[in-house]
PDB file of N, CA and C in Angstrom:
ATOM      1  N   MET A   1       4.640  -8.196 -10.243  1.00  0.00           N
ATOM      2  CA  MET A   1       4.674  -8.856 -11.867  1.00  0.00           C
ATOM      3  C   MET A   1       5.846  -8.323 -12.351  1.00  0.00           C
ATOM      4  N   THR A   2       6.534  -7.638 -12.472  1.00  0.00           N
ATOM      5  CA  THR A   2       7.256  -6.712 -13.419  1.00  0.00           C
ATOM      6  C   THR A   2       8.676  -6.737 -12.624  1.00  0.00           C
ATOM      7  N   HIS A   3       8.676  -7.030 -11.491  1.00  0.00           N
ATOM      8  CA  HIS A   3       9.946  -7.320 -10.565  1.00  0.00           C
ATOM      9  C   HIS A   3      10.725  -5.889 -10.077  1.00  0.00           C
ATOM     10  N   GLU A   4       9.438  -5.002 -10.569  1.00  0.00           N
ATOM     11  CA  GLU A   4      10.296  -3.582  -9.978  1.00  0.00           C
ATOM     12  C   GLU A   4       9.909  -3.156  -8.186  1.00  0.00           C
ATOM     13  N   ARG A   5      10.762  -2.256  -7.865  1.00  0.00           N
ATOM     14  CA  ARG A   5      10.351  -2.232  -6.667  1.00  0.00           C
ATOM     15  C   ARG A   5       9.503  -0.783  -6.578  1.00  0.00           C
ATOM     16  N   PRO A   6       8.816  -0.831  -5.556  1.00  0.00           N
ATOM     17  CA  PRO A   6       8.116   0.928  -5.432  1.00  0.00           C
ATOM     18  C   PRO A   6       9.119   1.941  -5.430  1.00  0.00           C
ATOM     19  N   GLU A   7      10.170   1.838  -4.950  1.00  0.00           N
ATOM     20  CA  GLU A   7      11.511   2.521  -5.093  1.00  0.00           C
ATOM     21  C   GLU A   7      11.882   3.085  -6.527  1.00  0.00           C
ATOM     22  N   ASP A   8      11.938   2.117  -7.200  1.00  0.00           N
ATOM     23  CA  ASP A   8      12.186   2.352  -8.786  1.00  0.00           C
ATOM     24  C   ASP A   8      11.472   3.218  -9.302  1.00  0.00           C
ATOM     25  N   ASN A   9      10.423   3.050  -9.318  1.00  0.00           N
ATOM     26  CA  ASN A   9       9.411   4.002  -9.627  1.00  0.00           C
ATOM     27  C   ASN A   9       9.437   5.436  -9.227  1.00  0.00           C
ATOM     28  N   PHE A  10       9.389   5.444  -7.832  1.00  0.00           N
ATOM     29  CA  PHE A  10       9.309   6.704  -7.393  1.00  0.00           C
ATOM     30  C   PHE A  10      10.696   7.441  -7.593  1.00  0.00           C
ATOM     31  N   THR A  11      11.709   7.040  -7.803  1.00  0.00           N
ATOM     32  CA  THR A  11      12.888   7.862  -7.977  1.00  0.00           C
ATOM     33  C   THR A  11      12.556   8.644  -9.234  1.00  0.00           C
ATOM     34  N   HIS A  12      12.085   8.222 -10.490  1.00  0.00           N
ATOM     35  CA  HIS A  12      11.905   8.333 -11.708  1.00  0.00           C
ATOM     36  C   HIS A  12      10.934   9.864 -11.672  1.00  0.00           C
ATOM     37  N   VAL A  13      10.114   9.909 -10.475  1.00  0.00           N
ATOM     38  CA  VAL A  13       9.184  10.848 -10.411  1.00  0.00           C
ATOM     39  C   VAL A  13       9.483  11.747  -9.201  1.00  0.00           C
ATOM     40  N   ALA A  14      10.113  11.880  -8.767  1.00  0.00           N
ATOM     41  CA  ALA A  14      10.763  12.304  -7.864  1.00  0.00           C
ATOM     42  C   ALA A  14      10.308  13.872  -7.782  1.00  0.00           C
ATOM     43  N   GLY A  15       9.683  14.324  -6.385  1.00  0.00           N
ATOM     44  CA  GLY A  15       9.204  15.813  -6.401  1.00  0.00           C
ATOM     45  C   GLY A  15       7.801  16.097  -7.109  1.00  0.00           C
ATOM     46  N   ARG A  16       7.304  14.879  -7.899  1.00  0.00           N
ATOM     47  CA  ARG A  16       6.178  15.505  -8.608  1.00  0.00           C
ATOM     48  C   ARG A  16       5.131  14.413  -8.062  1.00  0.00           C
ATOM     49  N   VAL A  17       5.115  13.608  -7.292  1.00  0.00           N
ATOM     50  CA  VAL A  17       4.200  12.780  -6.826  1.00  0.00           C
ATOM     51  C   VAL A  17       3.347  13.121  -5.618  1.00  0.00           C
ATOM     52  N   ALA A  18       1.992  13.239  -6.073  1.00  0.00           N
ATOM     53  CA  ALA A  18       0.738  13.723  -5.078  1.00  0.00           C
ATOM     54  C   ALA A  18      -0.057  12.825  -4.755  1.00  0.00           C
ATOM     55  N   HIS A  19       0.150  11.778  -5.245  1.00  0.00           N
ATOM     56  CA  HIS A  19      -0.848  10.215  -4.848  1.00  0.00           C
ATOM     57  C   HIS A  19      -0.524   9.045  -5.138  1.00  0.00           C
ATOM     58  N   VAL A  20      -0.381   8.378  -4.076  1.00  0.00           N
ATOM     59  CA  VAL A  20      -0.003   7.207  -4.212  1.00  0.00           C
ATOM     60  C   VAL A  20      -1.074   5.953  -3.969  1.00  0.00           C
ATOM     61  N   HIS A  21      -1.460   4.994  -4.798  1.00  0.00           N
ATOM     62  CA  HIS A  21      -2.285   4.049  -4.766  1.00  0.00           C
ATOM     63  C   HIS A  21      -1.603   2.964  -3.706  1.00  0.00           C
ATOM     64  N   PHE A  22      -2.060   3.254  -2.595  1.00  0.00           N
ATOM     65  CA  PHE A  22      -1.311   2.183  -1.493  1.00  0.00           C
ATOM     66  C   PHE A  22      -2.209   0.930  -1.079  1.00  0.00           C
ATOM     67  N   THR A  23      -1.610  -0.120  -1.636  1.00  0.00           N
ATOM     68  CA  THR A  23      -2.303  -1.669  -1.514  1.00  0.00           C
ATOM     69  C   THR A  23      -1.417  -2.498  -1.437  1.00  0.00           C
ATOM     70  N   ASP A  24      -1.623  -3.777  -0.717  1.00  0.00           N
ATOM     71  CA  ASP A  24      -1.039  -4.746  -0.678  1.00  0.00           C
ATOM     72  C   ASP A  24      -1.082  -5.781  -2.248  1.00  0.00           C
ATOM     73  N   SER A  25      -0.334  -6.443  -2.498  1.00  0.00           N
ATOM     74  CA  SER A  25      -0.494  -7.238  -3.851  1.00  0.00           C
ATOM     75  C   SER A  25       0.226  -8.745  -3.585  1.00  0.00           C
ATOM     76  N   ASP A  26      -0.123  -9.786  -4.204  1.00  0.00           N
ATOM     77  CA  ASP A  26       0.374 -10.947  -4.466  1.00  0.00           C
ATOM     78  C   ASP A  26       0.976 -10.663  -5.696  1.00  0.00           C
ATOM     79  N   ALA A  27       1.820 -11.761  -6.148  1.00  0.00           N
ATOM     80  CA  ALA A  27       2.653 -12.019  -7.380  1.00  0.00           C
ATOM     81  C   ALA A  27       1.997 -11.876  -8.635  1.00  0.00           C
ATOM     82  N   GLY A  28       0.687 -11.774  -8.715  1.00  0.00           N
ATOM     83  CA  GLY A  28       0.141 -11.784  -9.827  1.00  0.00           C
ATOM     84  C   GLY A  28      -0.566 -10.177 -10.027  1.00  0.00           C
ATOM     85  N   GLY A  29      -0.659  -9.479  -9.001  1.00  0.00           N
ATOM     86  CA  GLY A  29      -0.823  -8.209  -8.877  1.00  0.00           C
ATOM     87  C   GLY A  29      -2.298  -8.026  -8.564  1.00  0.00           C
ATOM     88  N   SER A  30      -2.510  -8.785  -7.571  1.00  0.00           N
ATOM     89  CA  SER A  30      -4.187  -8.295  -7.103  1.00  0.00           C
ATOM     90  C   SER A  30      -3.871  -7.406  -5.849  1.00  0.00           C
ATOM     91  N   HIS A  31      -4.980  -6.552  -6.114  1.00  0.00           N
ATOM     92  CA  HIS A  31      -5.040  -5.471  -4.953  1.00  0.00           C
ATOM     93  C   HIS A  31      -5.905  -6.011  -3.789  1.00  0.00           C
ATOM     94  N   LEU A  32      -4.870  -5.980  -2.696  1.00  0.00           N
ATOM     95  CA  LEU A  32      -5.304  -6.831  -1.237  1.00  0.00           C
ATOM     96  C   LEU A  32      -4.876  -5.868  -0.039  1.00  0.00           C
ATOM     97  N   ALA A  33      -5.630  -6.422   0.823  1.00  0.00           N
ATOM     98  CA  ALA A  33      -5.883  -5.754   2.065  1.00  0.00           C
ATOM     99  C   ALA A  33      -4.480  -6.029   2.815  1.00  0.00           C
ATOM    100  N   TRP A  34      -3.670  -5.255   3.387  1.00  0.00           N
ATOM    101  CA  TRP A  34      -2.329  -5.823   4.111  1.00  0.00           C
ATOM    102  C   TRP A  34      -2.383  -6.641   4.603  1.00  0.00           C
ATOM    103  N   GLY A  35      -1.324  -7.497   4.679  1.00  0.00           N
ATOM    104  CA  GLY A  35      -1.366  -8.437   5.595  1.00  0.00           C
ATOM    105  C   GLY A  35      -1.777 -10.077   4.569  1.00  0.00           C
ATOM    106  N   ASP A  36      -2.451  -9.697   3.427  1.00  0.00           N
ATOM    107  CA  ASP A  36      -2.956 -10.710   2.640  1.00  0.00           C
ATOM    108  C   ASP A  36      -1.932 -10.947   1.309  1.00  0.00           C
ATOM    109  N   GLY A  37      -1.108  -9.637   1.165  1.00  0.00           N
ATOM    110  CA  GLY A  37      -0.122 -10.017   0.030  1.00  0.00           C
ATOM    111  C   GLY A  37       1.345 -10.122   0.581  1.00  0.00           C
ATOM    112  N   ILE A  38       2.258  -9.666  -0.184  1.00  0.00           N
ATOM    113  CA  ILE A  38       3.684 -10.000  -0.122  1.00  0.00           C
ATOM    114  C   ILE A  38       4.603  -8.494  -0.159  1.00  0.00           C
ATOM    115  N   ILE A  39       3.806  -7.366   0.065  1.00  0.00           N
ATOM    116  CA  ILE A  39       4.721  -6.017   0.312  1.00  0.00           C
ATOM    117  C   ILE A  39       4.825  -5.661   1.639  1.00  0.00           C
ATOM    118  N   ASP A  40       5.943  -5.435   2.047  1.00  0.00           N
ATOM    119  CA  ASP A  40       6.212  -5.301   3.240  1.00  0.00           C
ATOM    120  C   ASP A  40       6.133  -3.594   3.743  1.00  0.00           C
ATOM    121  N   LEU A  41       4.572  -3.362   4.348  1.00  0.00           N
ATOM    122  CA  LEU A  41       4.273  -2.048   4.533  1.00  0.00           C
ATOM    123  C   LEU A  41       4.982  -1.414   5.247  1.00  0.00           C
ATOM    124  N   ASP A  42       5.459  -1.830   6.789  1.00  0.00           N
ATOM    125  CA  ASP A  42       6.338  -1.157   7.431  1.00  0.00           C
ATOM    126  C   ASP A  42       7.603  -0.790   6.186  1.00  0.00           C
ATOM    127  N   LYS A  43       8.364  -1.407   5.654  1.00  0.00           N
ATOM    128  CA  LYS A  43       9.572  -0.750   5.102  1.00  0.00           C
ATOM    129  C   LYS A  43       9.094   0.024   3.998  1.00  0.00           C
ATOM    130  N   LEU A  44       7.855  -0.003   3.060  1.00  0.00           N
ATOM    131  CA  LEU A  44       6.957   1.113   2.084  1.00  0.00           C
ATOM    132  C   LEU A  44       6.978   2.402   3.030  1.00  0.00           C
ATOM    133  N   VAL A  45       6.215   2.407   4.188  1.00  0.00           N
ATOM    134  CA  VAL A  45       5.916   3.655   4.988  1.00  0.00           C
ATOM    135  C   VAL A  45       7.483   4.172   5.319  1.00  0.00           C
ATOM    136  N   THR A  46       8.307   3.332   5.776  1.00  0.00           N
ATOM    137  CA  THR A  46       9.436   3.850   6.190  1.00  0.00           C
ATOM    138  C   THR A  46      10.335   4.785   4.920  1.00  0.00           C
ATOM    139  N   TYR A  47      10.029   4.244   3.473  1.00  0.00           N
ATOM    140  CA  TYR A  47      10.659   4.764   2.409  1.00  0.00           C
ATOM    141  C   TYR A  47       9.731   6.124   2.036  1.00  0.00           C
ATOM    142  N   LEU A  48       8.505   6.290   2.154  1.00  0.00           N
ATOM    143  CA  LEU A  48       7.819   7.196   1.923  1.00  0.00           C
ATOM    144  C   LEU A  48       8.216   8.420   2.924  1.00  0.00           C
ATOM    145  N   ARG A  49       8.260   8.245   3.899  1.00  0.00           N
ATOM    146  CA  ARG A  49       8.544   9.152   5.298  1.00  0.00           C
ATOM    147  C   ARG A  49      10.043   9.461   4.753  1.00  0.00           C
ATOM    148  N   GLY A  50      11.144   8.665   4.277  1.00  0.00           N
ATOM    149  CA  GLY A  50      12.173   8.942   4.030  1.00  0.00           C
ATOM    150  C   GLY A  50      12.431  10.065   2.479  1.00  0.00           C
ATOM    151  N   GLN A  51      11.565   9.666   1.848  1.00  0.00           N
ATOM    152  CA  GLN A  51      11.331  11.054   0.699  1.00  0.00           C
ATOM    153  C   GLN A  51      10.403  11.984   1.178  1.00  0.00           C
ATOM    154  N   SER A  52       9.978  12.199   2.484  1.00  0.00           N
ATOM    155  CA  SER A  52       9.218  13.098   3.000  1.00  0.00           C
ATOM    156  C   SER A  52       7.931  13.578   1.992  1.00  0.00           C
ATOM    157  N   TYR A  53       7.436  12.189   1.565  1.00  0.00           N
ATOM    158  CA  TYR A  53       6.008  12.299   1.342  1.00  0.00           C
ATOM    159  C   TYR A  53       4.783  12.461   2.164  1.00  0.00           C
ATOM    160  N   GLU A  54       4.231  13.521   2.013  1.00  0.00           N
ATOM    161  CA  GLU A  54       3.151  13.696   3.069  1.00  0.00           C
ATOM    162  C   GLU A  54       1.702  13.876   2.056  1.00  0.00           C
ATOM    163  N   ASP A  55       1.643  13.492   0.994  1.00  0.00           N
ATOM    164  CA  ASP A  55       0.425  13.833   0.427  1.00  0.00           C
ATOM    165  C   ASP A  55      -0.560  12.592   0.518  1.00  0.00           C
ATOM    166  N   SER A  56      -1.280  12.673  -0.572  1.00  0.00           N
ATOM    167  CA  SER A  56      -2.503  11.360  -0.620  1.00  0.00           C
ATOM    168  C   SER A  56      -1.887   9.898  -0.856  1.00  0.00           C
ATOM    169  N   LEU A  57      -2.833   8.820  -0.025  1.00  0.00           N
ATOM    170  CA  LEU A  57      -2.928   7.653  -0.103  1.00  0.00           C
ATOM    171  C   LEU A  57      -3.947   7.001  -0.339  1.00  0.00           C
ATOM    172  N   THR A  58      -4.402   6.255  -1.349  1.00  0.00           N
ATOM    173  CA  THR A  58      -5.534   5.837  -1.706  1.00  0.00           C
ATOM    174  C   THR A  58      -5.712   4.507  -1.596  1.00  0.00           C
ATOM    175  N   ILE A  59      -6.747   3.858  -1.194  1.00  0.00           N
ATOM    176  CA  ILE A  59      -6.589   2.591  -0.679  1.00  0.00           C
ATOM    177  C   ILE A  59      -7.675   1.624  -1.733  1.00  0.00           C
ATOM    178  N   GLY A  60      -7.082   0.260  -1.970  1.00  0.00           N
ATOM    179  CA  GLY A  60      -8.183  -0.301  -3.080  1.00  0.00           C
ATOM    180  C   GLY A  60      -8.204  -1.738  -2.911  1.00  0.00           C
ATOM    181  N   LEU A  61      -9.715  -2.505  -2.455  1.00  0.00           N
ATOM    182  CA  LEU A  61      -9.524  -3.782  -2.242  1.00  0.00           C
ATOM    183  C   LEU A  61     -10.630  -4.209  -3.618  1.00  0.00           C
ATOM    184  N   THR A  62      -9.668  -4.594  -4.885  1.00  0.00           N
ATOM    185  CA  THR A  62     -10.406  -4.889  -5.894  1.00  0.00           C
ATOM    186  C   THR A  62     -10.229  -6.640  -6.246  1.00  0.00           C
ATOM    187  N   ASN A  63      -9.713  -7.059  -5.233  1.00  0.00           N
ATOM    188  CA  ASN A  63      -9.989  -8.628  -5.270  1.00  0.00           C
ATOM    189  C   ASN A  63     -10.971  -9.397  -5.396  1.00  0.00           C
ATOM    190  N   TRP A  64     -11.601 -10.347  -6.207  1.00  0.00           N
ATOM    191  CA  TRP A  64     -12.971 -10.890  -5.997  1.00  0.00           C
ATOM    192  C   TRP A  64     -13.046 -11.162  -4.839  1.00  0.00           C
ATOM    193  N   LYS A  65     -12.114 -11.689  -3.933  1.00  0.00           N
ATOM    194  CA  LYS A  65     -12.416 -12.476  -2.858  1.00  0.00           C
ATOM    195  C   LYS A  65     -13.219 -11.829  -1.446  1.00  0.00           C
ATOM    196  N   TYR A  66     -12.985 -10.359  -2.194  1.00  0.00           N
ATOM    197  CA  TYR A  66     -13.421  -9.466  -1.182  1.00  0.00           C
ATOM    198  C   TYR A  66     -15.147  -8.879  -1.528  1.00  0.00           C
ATOM    199  N   ASN A  67     -15.580  -9.249  -2.675  1.00  0.00           N
ATOM    200  CA  ASN A  67     -16.695  -8.936  -3.095  1.00  0.00           C
ATOM    201  C   ASN A  67     -17.984  -9.505  -1.975  1.00  0.00           C
ATOM    202  N   VAL A  68     -17.818 -10.781  -1.514  1.00  0.00           N
ATOM    203  CA  VAL A  68     -18.935 -10.918  -0.754  1.00  0.00           C
ATOM    204  C   VAL A  68     -18.940 -10.265   0.490  1.00  0.00           C
ATOM    205  N   GLY A  69     -17.980 -10.018   1.496  1.00  0.00           N
ATOM    206  CA  GLY A  69     -17.843  -9.291   2.594  1.00  0.00           C
ATOM    207  C   GLY A  69     -16.670  -8.469   2.705  1.00  0.00           C
ATOM    208  N   PRO A  70     -16.683  -7.043   2.137  1.00  0.00           N
ATOM    209  CA  PRO A  70     -15.525  -6.383   2.346  1.00  0.00           C
ATOM    210  C   PRO A  70     -15.440  -5.535   3.689  1.00  0.00           C
ATOM    211  N   PRO A  71     -16.445  -5.438   4.812  1.00  0.00           N
ATOM    212  CA  PRO A  71     -15.830  -4.793   5.860  1.00  0.00           C
ATOM    213  C   PRO A  71     -14.790  -5.326   6.686  1.00  0.00           C
ATOM    214  N   PRO A  72     -14.945  -6.804   6.739  1.00  0.00           N
ATOM    215  CA  PRO A  72     -13.343  -6.991   7.574  1.00  0.00           C
ATOM    216  C   PRO A  72     -12.165  -7.387   6.840  1.00  0.00           C
ATOM    217  N   PRO A  73     -12.246  -7.468   5.714  1.00  0.00           N
ATOM    218  CA  PRO A  73     -10.543  -7.237   5.022  1.00  0.00           C
ATOM    219  C   PRO A  73     -10.564  -5.540   5.112  1.00  0.00           C
ATOM    220  N   LEU A  74     -11.390  -4.551   4.900  1.00  0.00           N
ATOM    221  CA  LEU A  74     -11.410  -2.871   5.002  1.00  0.00           C
ATOM    222  C   LEU A  74     -11.040  -2.812   6.311  1.00  0.00           C
ATOM    223  N   LYS A  75     -11.413  -3.181   7.209  1.00  0.00           N
ATOM    224  CA  LYS A  75     -10.923  -3.078   8.714  1.00  0.00           C
ATOM    225  C   LYS A  75      -9.727  -3.337   8.832  1.00  0.00           C
ATOM    226  N   GLN A  76      -9.383  -4.473   8.115  1.00  0.00           N
ATOM    227  CA  GLN A  76      -8.055  -5.124   8.352  1.00  0.00           C
ATOM    228  C   GLN A  76      -6.840  -4.346   7.584  1.00  0.00           C
ATOM    229  N   PHE A  77      -7.396  -3.403   6.574  1.00  0.00           N
ATOM    230  CA  PHE A  77      -6.469  -2.403   5.963  1.00  0.00           C
ATOM    231  C   PHE A  77      -6.204  -1.384   6.471  1.00  0.00           C
ATOM    232  N   VAL A  78      -7.196  -0.830   7.331  1.00  0.00           N
ATOM    233  CA  VAL A  78      -7.344   0.108   8.019  1.00  0.00           C
ATOM    234  C   VAL A  78      -6.458   0.390   9.153  1.00  0.00           C
ATOM    235  N   GLU A  79      -6.786  -0.939  10.038  1.00  0.00           N
ATOM    236  CA  GLU A  79      -5.917  -0.973  11.372  1.00  0.00           C
ATOM    237  C   GLU A  79      -4.450  -1.532  10.684  1.00  0.00           C
ATOM    238  N   ALA A  80      -4.134  -2.222   9.842  1.00  0.00           N
ATOM    239  CA  ALA A  80      -2.818  -2.297   9.361  1.00  0.00           C
ATOM    240  C   ALA A  80      -1.966  -1.077   9.016  1.00  0.00           C
ATOM    241  N   LEU A  81      -2.885   0.208   8.406  1.00  0.00           N
ATOM    242  CA  LEU A  81      -2.151   1.445   8.121  1.00  0.00           C
ATOM    243  C   LEU A  81      -1.912   2.124   9.380  1.00  0.00           C
ATOM    244  N   ARG A  82      -3.451   2.281  10.149  1.00  0.00           N
ATOM    245  CA  ARG A  82      -3.152   2.996  11.313  1.00  0.00           C
ATOM    246  C   ARG A  82      -1.825   2.618  12.020  1.00  0.00           C
ATOM    247  N   LYS A  83      -1.381   1.376  12.334  1.00  0.00           N
ATOM    248  CA  LYS A  83      -0.513   1.045  12.954  1.00  0.00           C
ATOM    249  C   LYS A  83       0.644   1.296  12.188  1.00  0.00           C
ATOM    250  N   ALA A  84       1.310   1.334  10.819  1.00  0.00           N
ATOM    251  CA  ALA A  84       2.314   1.437  10.469  1.00  0.00           C
ATOM    252  C   ALA A  84       2.303   2.932  10.097  1.00  0.00           C
ATOM    253  N   LEU A  85       1.506   3.915  10.280  1.00  0.00           N
ATOM    254  CA  LEU A  85       1.491   5.372  10.090  1.00  0.00           C
ATOM    255  C   LEU A  85       1.750   6.004  11.289  1.00  0.00           C
ATOM    256  N   CYS A  86       1.134   5.403  12.612  1.00  0.00           N
ATOM    257  CA  CYS A  86       1.079   6.181  13.735  1.00  0.00           C
ATOM    258  C   CYS A  86       1.261   5.093  15.091  1.00  0.00           C
ATOM    259  N   PRO A  87       2.594   4.715  14.575  1.00  0.00           N
ATOM    260  CA  PRO A  87       3.271   3.608  15.713  1.00  0.00           C
ATOM    261  C   PRO A  87       3.256   4.341  17.100  1.00  0.00           C
ATOM    262  N   ALA A  88       2.529   3.281  18.060  1.00  0.00           N
ATOM    263  CA  ALA A  88       2.347   4.040  19.415  1.00  0.00           C
ATOM    264  C   ALA A  88       3.914   4.468  20.108  1.00  0.00           C
TER     265      ALA A  88
END
């Protein structure tokens, strides 16, 4: 929404980050399952690794469309993270 890149914010707090809210998003800022939004997961994981980030990641699905059946998008989210964080 603000046209900032995650890298821009990370630079300002370098060395002081212990937790990242890790979620996909659309242009309106919704918290979406990976693959449902516009953020490049592989690029973000590569960036965090390049910064030697090894602390916590929190996922969040807060978009209304997940209220009726959260298990499928949660599974989608976990599978995308598993693939990005632990490539074969």
